[in-house]
Amino acid sequence: MRNVDYLNIYARYKGITEPIEIYPAFATYRILAGGRENPIVLDQQTGLITALKPGEALIETSYAGWHNWTCVDVEEKPVPGNSYYDKNCAGLLPVGEKLGSTR
């Protein structure tokens, strides 16, 4: 189990070709764990994610009227070939929402 990771936030603006990294404290966050104890802690000033125990959590990031969902899967021992990109937190997503989409 990796103990820490960062939530990186980027925004694209008209007329600028490269995305701009947004300081995490400028965004707001909500963590969903399906009524279970959160497997992570998110420092809302730095974007630092600390793993506490195995489980899934869904992070909603909101910035400038947009929001995005990120699934975090904490495993006791990573399984070779198993990527966090394979996880979908389907049971945690609110109805009508999708991972990685912004609105």
N, C-alpha and C. Protein backbone atom coordinates (compact mmCIF):
# COMPACT_ATOMS: atom_id res chain seq x y z
N MET A 1 0.85 -1.17 0.00
CA MET A 1 0.00 0.00 0.00
C MET A 1 0.90 1.24 0.00
N ARG A 2 0.79 2.06 -1.05
CA ARG A 2 1.48 3.34 -1.05
C ARG A 2 0.81 4.22 -0.02
N ASN A 3 1.60 4.93 0.73
CA ASN A 3 1.02 5.71 1.83
C ASN A 3 0.49 7.07 1.41
N VAL A 4 1.10 7.70 0.41
CA VAL A 4 0.67 9.05 0.03
C VAL A 4 0.70 9.21 -1.48
N ASP A 5 -0.09 10.13 -1.97
CA ASP A 5 -0.12 10.52 -3.37
C ASP A 5 -0.74 11.92 -3.41
N TYR A 6 -0.69 12.56 -4.55
CA TYR A 6 -1.24 13.90 -4.69
C TYR A 6 -2.37 13.93 -5.71
N LEU A 7 -3.35 14.76 -5.45
CA LEU A 7 -4.43 15.03 -6.39
C LEU A 7 -4.02 16.29 -7.15
N ASN A 8 -3.73 16.14 -8.43
CA ASN A 8 -3.32 17.28 -9.26
C ASN A 8 -4.53 17.82 -10.00
N ILE A 9 -4.63 19.15 -10.07
CA ILE A 9 -5.76 19.81 -10.72
C ILE A 9 -5.21 20.69 -11.83
N TYR A 10 -5.79 20.55 -13.02
CA TYR A 10 -5.39 21.37 -14.16
C TYR A 10 -6.62 22.00 -14.78
N ALA A 11 -6.45 23.18 -15.34
CA ALA A 11 -7.54 23.86 -16.05
C ALA A 11 -7.02 24.27 -17.42
N ARG A 12 -7.91 24.26 -18.39
CA ARG A 12 -7.59 24.74 -19.73
C ARG A 12 -8.35 26.03 -19.97
N TYR A 13 -7.65 27.00 -20.53
CA TYR A 13 -8.24 28.29 -20.81
C TYR A 13 -8.11 28.60 -22.30
N LYS A 14 -9.12 29.25 -22.82
CA LYS A 14 -9.14 29.64 -24.23
C LYS A 14 -7.92 30.51 -24.54
N GLY A 15 -7.25 30.18 -25.62
CA GLY A 15 -6.08 30.95 -26.04
C GLY A 15 -4.77 30.49 -25.43
N ILE A 16 -4.82 29.53 -24.52
CA ILE A 16 -3.60 28.99 -23.90
C ILE A 16 -3.52 27.51 -24.26
N THR A 17 -2.43 27.10 -24.89
CA THR A 17 -2.34 25.73 -25.39
C THR A 17 -2.07 24.69 -24.31
N GLU A 18 -1.31 25.04 -23.30
CA GLU A 18 -0.97 24.09 -22.24
C GLU A 18 -1.91 24.25 -21.05
N PRO A 19 -2.29 23.13 -20.40
CA PRO A 19 -3.12 23.26 -19.20
C PRO A 19 -2.35 23.96 -18.08
N ILE A 20 -3.08 24.66 -17.25
CA ILE A 20 -2.52 25.39 -16.11
C ILE A 20 -2.78 24.59 -14.85
N GLU A 21 -1.72 24.34 -14.06
CA GLU A 21 -1.93 23.63 -12.79
C GLU A 21 -2.56 24.59 -11.78
N ILE A 22 -3.59 24.11 -11.11
CA ILE A 22 -4.32 24.91 -10.13
C ILE A 22 -3.86 24.53 -8.72
N TYR A 23 -3.57 25.53 -7.93
CA TYR A 23 -3.19 25.28 -6.53
C TYR A 23 -4.37 24.60 -5.83
N PRO A 24 -4.16 23.44 -5.19
CA PRO A 24 -5.25 22.68 -4.60
C PRO A 24 -6.15 23.45 -3.63
N ALA A 25 -5.60 24.42 -2.92
CA ALA A 25 -6.42 25.18 -1.95
C ALA A 25 -7.49 26.02 -2.64
N PHE A 26 -7.38 26.25 -3.95
CA PHE A 26 -8.38 27.03 -4.68
C PHE A 26 -9.61 26.20 -5.03
N ALA A 27 -9.52 24.89 -4.88
CA ALA A 27 -10.64 23.99 -5.19
C ALA A 27 -11.33 23.57 -3.89
N THR A 28 -12.49 22.97 -4.03
CA THR A 28 -13.17 22.36 -2.89
C THR A 28 -13.33 20.88 -3.17
N TYR A 29 -13.44 20.08 -2.12
CA TYR A 29 -13.45 18.63 -2.25
C TYR A 29 -14.55 18.02 -1.39
N ARG A 30 -15.04 16.89 -1.86
CA ARG A 30 -15.99 16.09 -1.09
C ARG A 30 -15.55 14.64 -1.29
N ILE A 31 -15.49 13.89 -0.20
CA ILE A 31 -15.09 12.48 -0.27
C ILE A 31 -16.28 11.61 0.06
N LEU A 32 -16.56 10.63 -0.81
CA LEU A 32 -17.63 9.65 -0.59
C LEU A 32 -17.00 8.28 -0.40
N ALA A 33 -17.44 7.58 0.61
CA ALA A 33 -16.93 6.23 0.87
C ALA A 33 -18.08 5.24 1.06
N GLY A 34 -19.25 5.57 0.57
CA GLY A 34 -20.39 4.65 0.63
C GLY A 34 -20.84 4.32 2.04
N GLY A 35 -20.74 5.28 2.95
CA GLY A 35 -21.19 5.05 4.32
C GLY A 35 -20.19 4.30 5.17
N ARG A 36 -19.07 3.90 4.57
CA ARG A 36 -18.02 3.22 5.33
C ARG A 36 -16.99 4.26 5.79
N GLU A 37 -16.11 3.83 6.66
CA GLU A 37 -15.04 4.71 7.12
C GLU A 37 -14.12 5.03 5.94
N ASN A 38 -13.75 6.30 5.78
CA ASN A 38 -12.89 6.71 4.67
C ASN A 38 -11.56 5.96 4.70
N PRO A 39 -11.14 5.40 3.55
CA PRO A 39 -9.84 4.75 3.49
C PRO A 39 -8.70 5.74 3.26
N ILE A 40 -9.04 7.03 3.08
CA ILE A 40 -8.04 8.06 2.80
C ILE A 40 -8.31 9.31 3.62
N VAL A 41 -7.29 10.15 3.69
CA VAL A 41 -7.44 11.51 4.20
C VAL A 41 -6.89 12.41 3.11
N LEU A 42 -7.61 13.48 2.80
CA LEU A 42 -7.19 14.44 1.78
C LEU A 42 -6.92 15.78 2.43
N ASP A 43 -5.69 16.27 2.28
CA ASP A 43 -5.35 17.60 2.77
C ASP A 43 -5.84 18.59 1.73
N GLN A 44 -6.85 19.36 2.06
CA GLN A 44 -7.49 20.24 1.09
C GLN A 44 -6.66 21.47 0.76
N GLN A 45 -5.58 21.70 1.47
CA GLN A 45 -4.68 22.81 1.15
C GLN A 45 -3.60 22.40 0.15
N THR A 46 -3.16 21.14 0.21
CA THR A 46 -2.03 20.69 -0.62
C THR A 46 -2.42 19.64 -1.67
N GLY A 47 -3.59 19.01 -1.53
CA GLY A 47 -3.97 17.92 -2.43
C GLY A 47 -3.33 16.60 -2.06
N LEU A 48 -2.64 16.53 -0.93
CA LEU A 48 -1.98 15.31 -0.48
C LEU A 48 -3.02 14.29 -0.02
N ILE A 49 -2.96 13.09 -0.60
CA ILE A 49 -3.85 11.99 -0.22
C ILE A 49 -3.02 11.00 0.58
N THR A 50 -3.48 10.68 1.78
CA THR A 50 -2.82 9.71 2.63
C THR A 50 -3.72 8.49 2.77
N ALA A 51 -3.18 7.30 2.47
CA ALA A 51 -3.93 6.06 2.61
C ALA A 51 -3.98 5.66 4.07
N LEU A 52 -5.17 5.28 4.53
CA LEU A 52 -5.34 4.84 5.91
C LEU A 52 -5.55 3.34 6.01
N LYS A 53 -6.36 2.80 5.08
CA LYS A 53 -6.70 1.38 5.11
C LYS A 53 -7.24 0.99 3.75
N PRO A 54 -7.28 -0.30 3.43
CA PRO A 54 -7.82 -0.73 2.14
C PRO A 54 -9.29 -0.32 1.98
N GLY A 55 -9.66 0.04 0.75
CA GLY A 55 -11.03 0.42 0.43
C GLY A 55 -11.06 1.40 -0.72
N GLU A 56 -12.27 1.75 -1.16
CA GLU A 56 -12.45 2.71 -2.24
C GLU A 56 -13.06 4.01 -1.71
N ALA A 57 -12.62 5.10 -2.30
CA ALA A 57 -13.20 6.41 -1.99
C ALA A 57 -13.35 7.17 -3.30
N LEU A 58 -14.33 8.00 -3.35
CA LEU A 58 -14.60 8.83 -4.51
C LEU A 58 -14.40 10.28 -4.09
N ILE A 59 -13.55 11.01 -4.83
CA ILE A 59 -13.29 12.41 -4.51
C ILE A 59 -13.96 13.27 -5.58
N GLU A 60 -14.81 14.19 -5.13
CA GLU A 60 -15.38 15.19 -6.03
C GLU A 60 -14.56 16.46 -5.86
N THR A 61 -13.97 16.93 -6.95
CA THR A 61 -13.20 18.16 -6.95
C THR A 61 -13.99 19.23 -7.68
N SER A 62 -14.17 20.38 -7.07
CA SER A 62 -14.90 21.49 -7.69
C SER A 62 -13.99 22.71 -7.77
N TYR A 63 -14.02 23.35 -8.96
CA TYR A 63 -13.22 24.55 -9.18
C TYR A 63 -13.89 25.40 -10.24
N ALA A 64 -14.11 26.66 -9.95
CA ALA A 64 -14.63 27.64 -10.91
C ALA A 64 -15.90 27.17 -11.62
N GLY A 65 -16.79 26.52 -10.88
CA GLY A 65 -18.05 26.08 -11.45
C GLY A 65 -18.01 24.72 -12.12
N TRP A 66 -16.85 24.10 -12.19
CA TRP A 66 -16.71 22.77 -12.79
C TRP A 66 -16.44 21.76 -11.69
N HIS A 67 -16.78 20.50 -11.97
CA HIS A 67 -16.41 19.46 -11.01
C HIS A 67 -15.98 18.20 -11.74
N ASN A 68 -15.24 17.37 -11.02
CA ASN A 68 -14.69 16.14 -11.57
C ASN A 68 -14.68 15.08 -10.47
N TRP A 69 -14.90 13.84 -10.87
CA TRP A 69 -14.86 12.71 -9.92
C TRP A 69 -13.59 11.90 -10.14
N THR A 70 -12.93 11.53 -9.03
CA THR A 70 -11.73 10.71 -9.08
C THR A 70 -11.92 9.53 -8.13
N CYS A 71 -11.68 8.33 -8.64
CA CYS A 71 -11.77 7.12 -7.81
C CYS A 71 -10.40 6.82 -7.23
N VAL A 72 -10.36 6.55 -5.93
CA VAL A 72 -9.12 6.16 -5.27
C VAL A 72 -9.34 4.77 -4.67
N ASP A 73 -8.47 3.83 -5.05
CA ASP A 73 -8.56 2.46 -4.54
C ASP A 73 -7.31 2.18 -3.74
N VAL A 74 -7.47 1.93 -2.45
CA VAL A 74 -6.33 1.62 -1.58
C VAL A 74 -6.30 0.12 -1.39
N GLU A 75 -5.18 -0.50 -1.79
CA GLU A 75 -5.01 -1.94 -1.64
C GLU A 75 -3.92 -2.22 -0.61
N GLU A 76 -4.10 -3.30 0.12
CA GLU A 76 -3.09 -3.69 1.12
C GLU A 76 -1.76 -3.95 0.44
N LYS A 77 -1.81 -4.79 -0.62
CA LYS A 77 -0.62 -5.09 -1.42
C LYS A 77 -1.04 -4.96 -2.87
N PRO A 78 -0.39 -4.05 -3.62
CA PRO A 78 -0.75 -3.90 -5.03
C PRO A 78 -0.60 -5.22 -5.78
N VAL A 79 -1.56 -5.49 -6.66
CA VAL A 79 -1.54 -6.70 -7.47
C VAL A 79 -0.84 -6.36 -8.78
N PRO A 80 0.20 -7.14 -9.18
CA PRO A 80 0.88 -6.85 -10.44
C PRO A 80 -0.11 -6.80 -11.60
N GLY A 81 0.01 -5.76 -12.42
CA GLY A 81 -0.88 -5.61 -13.57
C GLY A 81 -2.21 -4.95 -13.24
N ASN A 82 -2.51 -4.80 -11.96
CA ASN A 82 -3.76 -4.17 -11.56
C ASN A 82 -3.50 -2.68 -11.39
N SER A 83 -4.17 -1.87 -12.16
CA SER A 83 -3.95 -0.44 -12.14
C SER A 83 -5.13 0.26 -11.49
N TYR A 84 -4.87 1.38 -10.81
CA TYR A 84 -5.98 2.14 -10.24
C TYR A 84 -6.88 2.66 -11.35
N TYR A 85 -6.38 2.71 -12.59
CA TYR A 85 -7.22 3.15 -13.69
C TYR A 85 -8.32 2.13 -14.00
N ASP A 86 -8.14 0.88 -13.55
CA ASP A 86 -9.15 -0.16 -13.78
C ASP A 86 -10.33 -0.01 -12.82
N LYS A 87 -10.17 0.74 -11.78
CA LYS A 87 -11.22 0.89 -10.78
C LYS A 87 -12.23 1.91 -11.25
N ASN A 88 -13.48 1.76 -10.82
CA ASN A 88 -14.47 2.73 -11.28
C ASN A 88 -15.37 3.26 -10.18
N CYS A 89 -15.27 2.76 -8.97
CA CYS A 89 -16.08 3.26 -7.86
C CYS A 89 -17.56 3.35 -8.23
N ALA A 90 -18.01 2.46 -9.11
CA ALA A 90 -19.37 2.54 -9.63
C ALA A 90 -20.41 2.61 -8.51
N GLY A 91 -20.20 1.90 -7.43
CA GLY A 91 -21.16 1.91 -6.34
C GLY A 91 -21.18 3.20 -5.55
N LEU A 92 -20.17 4.05 -5.75
CA LEU A 92 -20.08 5.30 -4.99
C LEU A 92 -20.55 6.52 -5.80
N LEU A 93 -20.56 6.40 -7.12
CA LEU A 93 -20.93 7.54 -7.97
C LEU A 93 -22.40 7.90 -7.82
N PRO A 94 -22.72 9.19 -7.68
CA PRO A 94 -24.12 9.60 -7.68
C PRO A 94 -24.75 9.26 -9.04
N VAL A 95 -26.03 9.06 -9.06
CA VAL A 95 -26.75 8.71 -10.28
C VAL A 95 -26.50 9.76 -11.36
N GLY A 96 -26.17 9.28 -12.56
CA GLY A 96 -25.95 10.16 -13.69
C GLY A 96 -24.55 10.73 -13.81
N GLU A 97 -23.67 10.45 -12.85
CA GLU A 97 -22.30 10.97 -12.89
C GLU A 97 -21.35 9.93 -13.46
N LYS A 98 -20.24 10.40 -14.06
CA LYS A 98 -19.21 9.52 -14.61
C LYS A 98 -17.85 9.98 -14.12
N LEU A 99 -16.93 9.03 -14.00
CA LEU A 99 -15.55 9.38 -13.62
C LEU A 99 -14.89 10.15 -14.74
N GLY A 100 -14.03 11.09 -14.36
CA GLY A 100 -13.21 11.80 -15.31
C GLY A 100 -13.95 12.79 -16.19
N SER A 101 -15.24 12.99 -15.93
CA SER A 101 -15.97 13.97 -16.75
C SER A 101 -16.17 15.24 -15.94
N THR A 102 -16.14 16.34 -16.62
CA THR A 102 -16.35 17.62 -15.94
C THR A 102 -17.64 18.24 -16.42
N ARG A 103 -18.23 19.02 -15.56
CA ARG A 103 -19.42 19.77 -15.96
C ARG A 103 -19.46 21.07 -15.22
